[in-house]
PDB file of N, CA and C in Angstrom:
ATOM      1  N   UNK A   1      19.029 -10.977  18.513  1.00  0.00           N
ATOM      2  CA  UNK A   1      19.599 -10.660  17.230  1.00  0.00           C
ATOM      3  C   UNK A   1      20.015  -9.187  17.230  1.00  0.00           C
ATOM      4  N   UNK A   2      21.189  -8.928  16.783  1.00  0.00           N
ATOM      5  CA  UNK A   2      21.705  -7.561  16.747  1.00  0.00           C
ATOM      6  C   UNK A   2      21.202  -6.841  15.500  1.00  0.00           C
ATOM      7  N   UNK A   3      20.952  -5.544  15.627  1.00  0.00           N
ATOM      8  CA  UNK A   3      20.565  -4.774  14.435  1.00  0.00           C
ATOM      9  C   UNK A   3      21.682  -4.795  13.405  1.00  0.00           C
ATOM     10  N   UNK A   4      21.295  -4.805  12.156  1.00  0.00           N
ATOM     11  CA  UNK A   4      22.274  -4.796  11.078  1.00  0.00           C
ATOM     12  C   UNK A   4      22.049  -3.566  10.207  1.00  0.00           C
ATOM     13  N   UNK A   5      23.115  -3.002   9.710  1.00  0.00           N
ATOM     14  CA  UNK A   5      23.013  -1.877   8.806  1.00  0.00           C
ATOM     15  C   UNK A   5      22.568  -2.379   7.434  1.00  0.00           C
ATOM     16  N   UNK A   6      21.639  -1.674   6.833  1.00  0.00           N
ATOM     17  CA  UNK A   6      21.212  -2.003   5.479  1.00  0.00           C
ATOM     18  C   UNK A   6      22.175  -1.287   4.537  1.00  0.00           C
ATOM     19  N   UNK A   7      22.905  -2.046   3.714  1.00  0.00           N
ATOM     20  CA  UNK A   7      24.001  -1.450   2.954  1.00  0.00           C
ATOM     21  C   UNK A   7      23.598  -0.420   1.889  1.00  0.00           C
ATOM     22  N   UNK A   8      22.506  -0.655   1.181  1.00  0.00           N
ATOM     23  CA  UNK A   8      22.135   0.265   0.099  1.00  0.00           C
ATOM     24  C   UNK A   8      20.643   0.570   0.141  1.00  0.00           C
ATOM     25  N   UNK A   9      20.270   1.608  -0.589  1.00  0.00           N
ATOM     26  CA  UNK A   9      18.864   1.984  -0.682  1.00  0.00           C
ATOM     27  C   UNK A   9      18.054   0.876  -1.356  1.00  0.00           C
ATOM     28  N   UNK A  10      18.632   0.220  -2.356  1.00  0.00           N
ATOM     29  CA  UNK A  10      17.935  -0.889  -3.021  1.00  0.00           C
ATOM     30  C   UNK A  10      17.654  -2.023  -2.045  1.00  0.00           C
ATOM     31  N   UNK A  11      18.611  -2.328  -1.183  1.00  0.00           N
ATOM     32  CA  UNK A  11      18.401  -3.372  -0.182  1.00  0.00           C
ATOM     33  C   UNK A  11      17.269  -2.986   0.769  1.00  0.00           C
ATOM     34  N   UNK A  12      17.218  -1.720   1.145  1.00  0.00           N
ATOM     35  CA  UNK A  12      16.156  -1.253   2.030  1.00  0.00           C
ATOM     36  C   UNK A  12      14.795  -1.381   1.351  1.00  0.00           C
ATOM     37  N   UNK A  13      14.699  -0.994   0.095  1.00  0.00           N
ATOM     38  CA  UNK A  13      13.436  -1.129  -0.652  1.00  0.00           C
ATOM     39  C   UNK A  13      13.002  -2.593  -0.734  1.00  0.00           C
ATOM     40  N   UNK A  14      13.963  -3.481  -0.962  1.00  0.00           N
ATOM     41  CA  UNK A  14      13.634  -4.909  -1.051  1.00  0.00           C
ATOM     42  C   UNK A  14      13.181  -5.461   0.301  1.00  0.00           C
ATOM     43  N   UNK A  15      13.783  -4.992   1.372  1.00  0.00           N
ATOM     44  CA  UNK A  15      13.375  -5.461   2.705  1.00  0.00           C
ATOM     45  C   UNK A  15      11.993  -4.950   3.081  1.00  0.00           C
ATOM     46  N   UNK A  16      11.689  -3.719   2.708  1.00  0.00           N
ATOM     47  CA  UNK A  16      10.341  -3.191   2.951  1.00  0.00           C
ATOM     48  C   UNK A  16       9.333  -4.008   2.148  1.00  0.00           C
ATOM     49  N   UNK A  17       9.666  -4.323   0.900  1.00  0.00           N
ATOM     50  CA  UNK A  17       8.777  -5.141   0.067  1.00  0.00           C
ATOM     51  C   UNK A  17       8.557  -6.514   0.708  1.00  0.00           C
ATOM     52  N   UNK A  18       9.601  -7.115   1.253  1.00  0.00           N
ATOM     53  CA  UNK A  18       9.460  -8.419   1.901  1.00  0.00           C
ATOM     54  C   UNK A  18       8.476  -8.357   3.069  1.00  0.00           C
ATOM     55  N   UNK A  19       8.519  -7.267   3.826  1.00  0.00           N
ATOM     56  CA  UNK A  19       7.593  -7.122   4.952  1.00  0.00           C
ATOM     57  C   UNK A  19       6.160  -7.072   4.443  1.00  0.00           C
ATOM     58  N   UNK A  20       5.921  -6.311   3.372  1.00  0.00           N
ATOM     59  CA  UNK A  20       4.569  -6.220   2.819  1.00  0.00           C
ATOM     60  C   UNK A  20       4.088  -7.548   2.239  1.00  0.00           C
ATOM     61  N   UNK A  21       5.013  -8.398   1.817  1.00  0.00           N
ATOM     62  CA  UNK A  21       4.632  -9.672   1.209  1.00  0.00           C
ATOM     63  C   UNK A  21       4.520 -10.823   2.218  1.00  0.00           C
ATOM     64  N   UNK A  22       4.826 -10.569   3.486  1.00  0.00           N
ATOM     65  CA  UNK A  22       4.752 -11.641   4.495  1.00  0.00           C
ATOM     66  C   UNK A  22       3.373 -12.305   4.583  1.00  0.00           C
ATOM     67  N   UNK A  23       2.256 -11.555   4.585  1.00  0.00           N
ATOM     68  CA  UNK A  23       0.947 -12.229   4.622  1.00  0.00           C
ATOM     69  C   UNK A  23       0.726 -13.139   3.420  1.00  0.00           C
ATOM     70  N   UNK A  24       1.244 -12.746   2.248  1.00  0.00           N
ATOM     71  CA  UNK A  24       1.125 -13.575   1.052  1.00  0.00           C
ATOM     72  C   UNK A  24       1.937 -14.857   1.223  1.00  0.00           C
ATOM     73  N   UNK A  25       3.154 -14.715   1.701  1.00  0.00           N
ATOM     74  CA  UNK A  25       4.025 -15.883   1.894  1.00  0.00           C
ATOM     75  C   UNK A  25       3.452 -16.846   2.926  1.00  0.00           C
ATOM     76  N   UNK A  26       2.730 -16.316   3.909  1.00  0.00           N
ATOM     77  CA  UNK A  26       2.123 -17.150   4.946  1.00  0.00           C
ATOM     78  C   UNK A  26       0.768 -17.715   4.518  1.00  0.00           C
ATOM     79  N   UNK A  27       0.316 -17.358   3.315  1.00  0.00           N
ATOM     80  CA  UNK A  27      -0.960 -17.855   2.816  1.00  0.00           C
ATOM     81  C   UNK A  27      -2.174 -17.167   3.441  1.00  0.00           C
ATOM     82  N   UNK A  28      -1.983 -15.980   3.996  1.00  0.00           N
ATOM     83  CA  UNK A  28      -3.080 -15.263   4.650  1.00  0.00           C
ATOM     84  C   UNK A  28      -3.813 -14.317   3.713  1.00  0.00           C
ATOM     85  N   UNK A  29      -3.192 -13.915   2.610  1.00  0.00           N
ATOM     86  CA  UNK A  29      -3.804 -12.995   1.653  1.00  0.00           C
ATOM     87  C   UNK A  29      -3.152 -13.187   0.290  1.00  0.00           C
ATOM     88  N   UNK A  30      -3.885 -12.834  -0.757  1.00  0.00           N
ATOM     89  CA  UNK A  30      -3.336 -12.965  -2.105  1.00  0.00           C
ATOM     90  C   UNK A  30      -2.351 -11.860  -2.449  1.00  0.00           C
ATOM     91  N   UNK A  31      -2.531 -10.698  -1.839  1.00  0.00           N
ATOM     92  CA  UNK A  31      -1.639  -9.573  -2.098  1.00  0.00           C
ATOM     93  C   UNK A  31      -1.690  -8.634  -0.898  1.00  0.00           C
ATOM     94  N   UNK A  32      -0.744  -7.701  -0.782  1.00  0.00           N
ATOM     95  CA  UNK A  32      -0.740  -6.783   0.360  1.00  0.00           C
ATOM     96  C   UNK A  32      -2.029  -5.966   0.486  1.00  0.00           C
ATOM     97  N   UNK A  33      -2.677  -5.659  -0.630  1.00  0.00           N
ATOM     98  CA  UNK A  33      -3.925  -4.894  -0.566  1.00  0.00           C
ATOM     99  C   UNK A  33      -5.061  -5.700   0.053  1.00  0.00           C
ATOM    100  N   UNK A  34      -4.985  -7.015  -0.025  1.00  0.00           N
ATOM    101  CA  UNK A  34      -6.028  -7.862   0.538  1.00  0.00           C
ATOM    102  C   UNK A  34      -5.847  -8.096   2.029  1.00  0.00           C
ATOM    103  N   UNK A  35      -4.693  -7.744   2.568  1.00  0.00           N
ATOM    104  CA  UNK A  35      -4.423  -7.931   3.996  1.00  0.00           C
ATOM    105  C   UNK A  35      -4.862  -6.674   4.741  1.00  0.00           C
ATOM    106  N   UNK A  36      -5.916  -6.762   5.561  1.00  0.00           N
ATOM    107  CA  UNK A  36      -6.485  -5.551   6.181  1.00  0.00           C
ATOM    108  C   UNK A  36      -5.557  -4.840   7.159  1.00  0.00           C
ATOM    109  N   UNK A  37      -4.510  -5.492   7.622  1.00  0.00           N
ATOM    110  CA  UNK A  37      -3.622  -4.878   8.608  1.00  0.00           C
ATOM    111  C   UNK A  37      -2.346  -4.322   7.984  1.00  0.00           C
ATOM    112  N   UNK A  38      -2.258  -4.309   6.668  1.00  0.00           N
ATOM    113  CA  UNK A  38      -1.059  -3.860   5.980  1.00  0.00           C
ATOM    114  C   UNK A  38      -1.079  -2.351   5.770  1.00  0.00           C
ATOM    115  N   UNK A  39       0.039  -1.692   6.052  1.00  0.00           N
ATOM    116  CA  UNK A  39       0.127  -0.268   5.778  1.00  0.00           C
ATOM    117  C   UNK A  39       0.321  -0.008   4.281  1.00  0.00           C
ATOM    118  N   UNK A  40       0.464  -1.072   3.502  1.00  0.00           N
ATOM    119  CA  UNK A  40       0.528  -0.898   2.046  1.00  0.00           C
ATOM    120  C   UNK A  40      -0.783  -0.288   1.555  1.00  0.00           C
ATOM    121  N   UNK A  41      -1.868  -0.652   2.194  1.00  0.00           N
ATOM    122  CA  UNK A  41      -3.171  -0.070   1.857  1.00  0.00           C
ATOM    123  C   UNK A  41      -3.153   1.436   2.121  1.00  0.00           C
ATOM    124  N   UNK A  42      -2.477   1.867   3.174  1.00  0.00           N
ATOM    125  CA  UNK A  42      -2.349   3.293   3.482  1.00  0.00           C
ATOM    126  C   UNK A  42      -1.602   4.020   2.362  1.00  0.00           C
ATOM    127  N   UNK A  43      -0.524   3.394   1.882  1.00  0.00           N
ATOM    128  CA  UNK A  43       0.349   4.034   0.896  1.00  0.00           C
ATOM    129  C   UNK A  43      -0.337   4.296  -0.430  1.00  0.00           C
ATOM    130  N   UNK A  44      -1.274   3.450  -0.794  1.00  0.00           N
ATOM    131  CA  UNK A  44      -1.928   3.607  -2.094  1.00  0.00           C
ATOM    132  C   UNK A  44      -3.259   4.341  -1.993  1.00  0.00           C
ATOM    133  N   UNK A  45      -3.575   4.844  -0.806  1.00  0.00           N
ATOM    134  CA  UNK A  45      -4.796   5.625  -0.649  1.00  0.00           C
ATOM    135  C   UNK A  45      -6.051   4.810  -0.445  1.00  0.00           C
ATOM    136  N   UNK A  46      -5.914   3.557  -0.009  1.00  0.00           N
ATOM    137  CA  UNK A  46      -7.080   2.706   0.211  1.00  0.00           C
ATOM    138  C   UNK A  46      -7.630   2.825   1.634  1.00  0.00           C
ATOM    139  N   UNK A  47      -7.076   3.734   2.425  1.00  0.00           N
ATOM    140  CA  UNK A  47      -7.495   3.932   3.815  1.00  0.00           C
ATOM    141  C   UNK A  47      -7.833   5.412   3.996  1.00  0.00           C
ATOM    142  N   UNK A  48      -8.946   5.673   4.661  1.00  0.00           N
ATOM    143  CA  UNK A  48      -9.392   7.055   4.841  1.00  0.00           C
ATOM    144  C   UNK A  48      -8.429   7.854   5.712  1.00  0.00           C
ATOM    145  N   UNK A  49      -8.009   7.298   6.835  1.00  0.00           N
ATOM    146  CA  UNK A  49      -7.107   7.991   7.756  1.00  0.00           C
ATOM    147  C   UNK A  49      -5.835   7.156   7.889  1.00  0.00           C
ATOM    148  N   UNK A  50      -4.887   7.299   6.941  1.00  0.00           N
ATOM    149  CA  UNK A  50      -3.711   6.421   6.927  1.00  0.00           C
ATOM    150  C   UNK A  50      -2.789   6.632   8.117  1.00  0.00           C
ATOM    151  N   UNK A  51      -2.239   5.530   8.580  1.00  0.00           N
ATOM    152  CA  UNK A  51      -1.249   5.560   9.650  1.00  0.00           C
ATOM    153  C   UNK A  51       0.109   5.929   9.077  1.00  0.00           C
ATOM    154  N   UNK A  52       0.375   5.473   7.850  1.00  0.00           N
ATOM    155  CA  UNK A  52       1.639   5.740   7.162  1.00  0.00           C
ATOM    156  C   UNK A  52       1.312   6.333   5.797  1.00  0.00           C
ATOM    157  N   UNK A  53       1.910   7.457   5.484  1.00  0.00           N
ATOM    158  CA  UNK A  53       1.643   8.069   4.181  1.00  0.00           C
ATOM    159  C   UNK A  53       2.761   7.739   3.201  1.00  0.00           C
ATOM    160  N   UNK A  54       2.433   7.857   1.928  1.00  0.00           N
ATOM    161  CA  UNK A  54       3.432   7.621   0.886  1.00  0.00           C
ATOM    162  C   UNK A  54       4.560   8.646   0.989  1.00  0.00           C
ATOM    163  N   UNK A  55       4.227   9.864   1.382  1.00  0.00           N
ATOM    164  CA  UNK A  55       5.238  10.915   1.524  1.00  0.00           C
ATOM    165  C   UNK A  55       6.247  10.539   2.614  1.00  0.00           C
ATOM    166  N   UNK A  56       5.757   9.999   3.726  1.00  0.00           N
ATOM    167  CA  UNK A  56       6.638   9.615   4.830  1.00  0.00           C
ATOM    168  C   UNK A  56       7.568   8.476   4.428  1.00  0.00           C
ATOM    169  N   UNK A  57       7.021   7.443   3.791  1.00  0.00           N
ATOM    170  CA  UNK A  57       7.862   6.323   3.371  1.00  0.00           C
ATOM    171  C   UNK A  57       8.850   6.753   2.294  1.00  0.00           C
ATOM    172  N   UNK A  58       8.402   7.566   1.361  1.00  0.00           N
ATOM    173  CA  UNK A  58       9.294   8.040   0.293  1.00  0.00           C
ATOM    174  C   UNK A  58      10.464   8.817   0.888  1.00  0.00           C
ATOM    175  N   UNK A  59      10.183   9.662   1.871  1.00  0.00           N
ATOM    176  CA  UNK A  59      11.260  10.427   2.514  1.00  0.00           C
ATOM    177  C   UNK A  59      12.219   9.487   3.246  1.00  0.00           C
ATOM    178  N   UNK A  60      11.682   8.465   3.919  1.00  0.00           N
ATOM    179  CA  UNK A  60      12.528   7.502   4.625  1.00  0.00           C
ATOM    180  C   UNK A  60      13.412   6.705   3.687  1.00  0.00           C
ATOM    181  N   UNK A  61      12.905   6.446   2.486  1.00  0.00           N
ATOM    182  CA  UNK A  61      13.686   5.707   1.489  1.00  0.00           C
ATOM    183  C   UNK A  61      14.506   6.649   0.609  1.00  0.00           C
ATOM    184  N   UNK A  62      14.381   7.950   0.868  1.00  0.00           N
ATOM    185  CA  UNK A  62      15.068   8.985   0.096  1.00  0.00           C
ATOM    186  C   UNK A  62      14.734   8.912  -1.384  1.00  0.00           C
ATOM    187  N   UNK A  63      13.439   8.749  -1.658  1.00  0.00           N
ATOM    188  CA  UNK A  63      12.935   8.739  -3.030  1.00  0.00           C
ATOM    189  C   UNK A  63      11.981   9.925  -3.143  1.00  0.00           C
ATOM    190  N   UNK A  64      12.305  10.832  -4.039  1.00  0.00           N
ATOM    191  CA  UNK A  64      11.487  12.030  -4.180  1.00  0.00           C
ATOM    192  C   UNK A  64      10.859  12.028  -5.560  1.00  0.00           C
ATOM    193  N   UNK A  65       9.722  11.370  -5.645  1.00  0.00           N
ATOM    194  CA  UNK A  65       9.009  11.202  -6.903  1.00  0.00           C
ATOM    195  C   UNK A  65       7.536  11.462  -6.638  1.00  0.00           C
ATOM    196  N   UNK A  66       6.908  12.252  -7.480  1.00  0.00           N
ATOM    197  CA  UNK A  66       5.491  12.584  -7.291  1.00  0.00           C
ATOM    198  C   UNK A  66       4.606  11.347  -7.389  1.00  0.00           C
ATOM    199  N   UNK A  67       5.005  10.354  -8.171  1.00  0.00           N
ATOM    200  CA  UNK A  67       4.218   9.124  -8.338  1.00  0.00           C
ATOM    201  C   UNK A  67       4.797   7.985  -7.516  1.00  0.00           C
ATOM    202  N   UNK A  68       5.351   8.290  -6.352  1.00  0.00           N
ATOM    203  CA  UNK A  68       6.000   7.272  -5.529  1.00  0.00           C
ATOM    204  C   UNK A  68       5.058   6.109  -5.220  1.00  0.00           C
ATOM    205  N   UNK A  69       3.822   6.393  -4.808  1.00  0.00           N
ATOM    206  CA  UNK A  69       2.928   5.308  -4.379  1.00  0.00           C
ATOM    207  C   UNK A  69       2.620   4.350  -5.524  1.00  0.00           C
ATOM    208  N   UNK A  70       2.485   4.862  -6.746  1.00  0.00           N
ATOM    209  CA  UNK A  70       2.221   3.996  -7.904  1.00  0.00           C
ATOM    210  C   UNK A  70       3.447   3.118  -8.177  1.00  0.00           C
ATOM    211  N   UNK A  71       4.621   3.725  -8.197  1.00  0.00           N
ATOM    212  CA  UNK A  71       5.849   2.959  -8.447  1.00  0.00           C
ATOM    213  C   UNK A  71       6.144   1.954  -7.359  1.00  0.00           C
ATOM    214  N   UNK A  72       5.898   2.333  -6.099  1.00  0.00           N
ATOM    215  CA  UNK A  72       6.160   1.404  -5.009  1.00  0.00           C
ATOM    216  C   UNK A  72       5.180   0.231  -5.039  1.00  0.00           C
ATOM    217  N   UNK A  73       3.914   0.516  -5.383  1.00  0.00           N
ATOM    218  CA  UNK A  73       2.941  -0.579  -5.503  1.00  0.00           C
ATOM    219  C   UNK A  73       3.370  -1.556  -6.601  1.00  0.00           C
ATOM    220  N   UNK A  74       3.848  -1.029  -7.718  1.00  0.00           N
ATOM    221  CA  UNK A  74       4.343  -1.907  -8.789  1.00  0.00           C
ATOM    222  C   UNK A  74       5.540  -2.713  -8.304  1.00  0.00           C
ATOM    223  N   UNK A  75       6.416  -2.086  -7.549  1.00  0.00           N
ATOM    224  CA  UNK A  75       7.600  -2.764  -7.002  1.00  0.00           C
ATOM    225  C   UNK A  75       7.193  -3.929  -6.101  1.00  0.00           C
ATOM    226  N   UNK A  76       6.189  -3.714  -5.263  1.00  0.00           N
ATOM    227  CA  UNK A  76       5.734  -4.765  -4.350  1.00  0.00           C
ATOM    228  C   UNK A  76       4.971  -5.844  -5.109  1.00  0.00           C
ATOM    229  N   UNK A  77       4.029  -5.445  -5.961  1.00  0.00           N
ATOM    230  CA  UNK A  77       3.175  -6.447  -6.605  1.00  0.00           C
ATOM    231  C   UNK A  77       3.868  -7.189  -7.739  1.00  0.00           C
ATOM    232  N   UNK A  78       5.016  -6.723  -8.201  1.00  0.00           N
ATOM    233  CA  UNK A  78       5.763  -7.439  -9.246  1.00  0.00           C
ATOM    234  C   UNK A  78       6.579  -8.593  -8.694  1.00  0.00           C
ATOM    235  N   UNK A  79       6.650  -8.728  -7.377  1.00  0.00           N
ATOM    236  CA  UNK A  79       7.419  -9.824  -6.785  1.00  0.00           C
ATOM    237  C   UNK A  79       6.806 -11.157  -7.185  1.00  0.00           C
ATOM    238  N   UNK A  80       7.642 -12.154  -7.376  1.00  0.00           N
ATOM    239  CA  UNK A  80       7.170 -13.465  -7.822  1.00  0.00           C
ATOM    240  C   UNK A  80       6.227 -14.139  -6.832  1.00  0.00           C
ATOM    241  N   UNK A  81       6.338 -13.782  -5.537  1.00  0.00           N
ATOM    242  CA  UNK A  81       5.461 -14.424  -4.557  1.00  0.00           C
ATOM    243  C   UNK A  81       4.081 -13.772  -4.512  1.00  0.00           C
ATOM    244  N   UNK A  82       3.928 -12.620  -5.166  1.00  0.00           N
ATOM    245  CA  UNK A  82       2.631 -11.943  -5.195  1.00  0.00           C
ATOM    246  C   UNK A  82       1.772 -12.564  -6.296  1.00  0.00           C
ATOM    247  N   UNK A  83       0.590 -12.050  -6.471  1.00  0.00           N
ATOM    248  CA  UNK A  83      -0.318 -12.538  -7.510  1.00  0.00           C
ATOM    249  C   UNK A  83       0.387 -12.437  -8.856  1.00  0.00           C
ATOM    250  N   UNK A  84       0.278 -13.481  -9.676  1.00  0.00           N
ATOM    251  CA  UNK A  84       0.945 -13.503 -10.971  1.00  0.00           C
ATOM    252  C   UNK A  84       0.520 -12.283 -11.793  1.00  0.00           C
ATOM    253  N   UNK A  85       1.488 -11.545 -12.279  1.00  0.00           N
ATOM    254  CA  UNK A  85       1.200 -10.359 -13.066  1.00  0.00           C
ATOM    255  C   UNK A  85       0.979  -9.113 -12.237  1.00  0.00           C
ATOM    256  N   UNK A  86       1.023  -9.241 -10.924  1.00  0.00           N
ATOM    257  CA  UNK A  86       0.831  -8.084 -10.048  1.00  0.00           C
ATOM    258  C   UNK A  86      -0.634  -7.740  -9.878  1.00  0.00           C
ATOM    259  N   UNK A  87      -0.888  -6.843  -8.990  1.00  0.00           N
ATOM    260  CA  UNK A  87      -2.250  -6.364  -8.771  1.00  0.00           C
ATOM    261  C   UNK A  87      -2.322  -4.926  -9.246  1.00  0.00           C
ATOM    262  N   UNK A  88      -3.452  -4.550  -9.838  1.00  0.00           N
ATOM    263  CA  UNK A  88      -3.551  -3.174 -10.334  1.00  0.00           C
ATOM    264  C   UNK A  88      -3.583  -2.173  -9.188  1.00  0.00           C
ATOM    265  N   UNK A  89      -3.135  -0.978  -9.491  1.00  0.00           N
ATOM    266  CA  UNK A  89      -3.192   0.111  -8.516  1.00  0.00           C
ATOM    267  C   UNK A  89      -4.657   0.462  -8.304  1.00  0.00           C
ATOM    268  N   UNK A  90      -5.093   0.593  -7.051  1.00  0.00           N
ATOM    269  CA  UNK A  90      -6.503   0.875  -6.800  1.00  0.00           C
ATOM    270  C   UNK A  90      -6.931   2.217  -7.394  1.00  0.00           C
ATOM    271  N   UNK A  91      -8.123   2.240  -7.925  1.00  0.00           N
ATOM    272  CA  UNK A  91      -8.683   3.458  -8.496  1.00  0.00           C
ATOM    273  C   UNK A  91      -9.874   3.910  -7.660  1.00  0.00           C
ATOM    274  N   UNK A  92      -9.948   5.193  -7.451  1.00  0.00           N
ATOM    275  CA  UNK A  92     -11.085   5.739  -6.702  1.00  0.00           C
ATOM    276  C   UNK A  92     -12.341   5.645  -7.564  1.00  0.00           C
ATOM    277  N   UNK A  93     -13.439   5.369  -6.941  1.00  0.00           N
ATOM    278  CA  UNK A  93     -14.708   5.338  -7.664  1.00  0.00           C
ATOM    279  C   UNK A  93     -15.602   6.441  -7.125  1.00  0.00           C
ATOM    280  N   UNK A  94     -16.423   6.960  -7.980  1.00  0.00           N
ATOM    281  CA  UNK A  94     -17.336   8.019  -7.574  1.00  0.00           C
ATOM    282  C   UNK A  94     -18.634   7.371  -7.117  1.00  0.00           C
ATOM    283  N   UNK A  95     -19.024   7.686  -5.920  1.00  0.00           N
ATOM    284  CA  UNK A  95     -20.273   7.171  -5.372  1.00  0.00           C
ATOM    285  C   UNK A  95     -21.362   8.175  -5.719  1.00  0.00           C
ATOM    286  N   UNK A  96     -22.464   7.704  -6.297  1.00  0.00           N
ATOM    287  CA  UNK A  96     -23.523   8.655  -6.662  1.00  0.00           C
ATOM    288  C   UNK A  96     -24.115   9.325  -5.425  1.00  0.00           C
ATOM    289  N   UNK A  97     -24.387  10.600  -5.567  1.00  0.00           N
ATOM    290  CA  UNK A  97     -25.007  11.334  -4.467  1.00  0.00           C
ATOM    291  C   UNK A  97     -26.512  11.131  -4.526  1.00  0.00           C
ATOM    292  N   UNK A  98     -27.091  11.031  -3.400  1.00  0.00           N
ATOM    293  CA  UNK A  98     -28.534  10.883  -3.319  1.00  0.00           C
ATOM    294  C   UNK A  98     -29.119  12.199  -2.836  1.00  0.00           C
ATOM    295  N   UNK A  99     -30.261  12.547  -3.374  1.00  0.00           N
ATOM    296  CA  UNK A  99     -30.908  13.774  -2.930  1.00  0.00           C
ATOM    297  C   UNK A  99     -31.377  13.602  -1.500  1.00  0.00           C
ATOM    298  N   UNK A 100     -31.308  14.674  -0.768  1.00  0.00           N
ATOM    299  CA  UNK A 100     -31.783  14.619   0.606  1.00  0.00           C
ATOM    300  C   UNK A 100     -33.288  14.562   0.626  1.00  0.00           C
ATOM    301  N   UNK A 101     -33.785  13.713   1.481  1.00  0.00           N
ATOM    302  CA  UNK A 101     -35.244  13.640   1.646  1.00  0.00           C
ATOM    303  C   UNK A 101     -35.670  14.791   2.550  1.00  0.00           C
ATOM    304  N   UNK A 102     -36.810  15.357   2.241  1.00  0.00           N
ATOM    305  CA  UNK A 102     -37.308  16.425   3.119  1.00  0.00           C
ATOM    306  C   UNK A 102     -37.829  15.825   4.393  1.00  0.00           C
ATOM    307  N   UNK A 103     -37.473  16.459   5.477  1.00  0.00           N
ATOM    308  CA  UNK A 103     -37.973  16.023   6.771  1.00  0.00           C
ATOM    309  C   UNK A 103     -39.377  16.572   6.970  1.00  0.00           C
ATOM    310  N   UNK A 104     -40.227  15.745   7.453  1.00  0.00           N
ATOM    311  CA  UNK A 104     -41.602  16.195   7.707  1.00  0.00           C
ATOM    312  C   UNK A 104     -41.866  16.142   9.188  1.00  0.00           C
ATOM    313  N   UNK A 105     -42.790  16.978   9.596  1.00  0.00           N
ATOM    314  CA  UNK A 105     -43.157  16.974  11.017  1.00  0.00           C
ATOM    315  C   UNK A 105     -44.188  15.905  11.263  1.00  0.00           C
ATOM    316  N   UNK A 106     -44.164  15.367  12.442  1.00  0.00           N
ATOM    317  CA  UNK A 106     -45.133  14.334  12.819  1.00  0.00           C
ATOM    318  C   UNK A 106     -46.425  14.963  13.216  1.00  0.00           C
TER     319      UNK A 106
END
């Protein structure tokens, strides 16, 4: 198959969304966030050491918006093949800190 030029930025955004929705279409996950191998998890900050950052994808799509990852997640999860009503943007949770136990000598 020969490479094809993507005519517009909107077409490129839709094609990227289709890639993220492939596990859903194949019945492997309910949404891109549930698929452990999806870089969509990287984009929304659900991965500690992301392979792909939201800044990198935004630059590639020529979208310069401070809230790119939130808008892109809405764009992906609003697709009809995704979970009805979309999936919420992940929120960070605060893990309680535990006091350090004193080390004792044997």
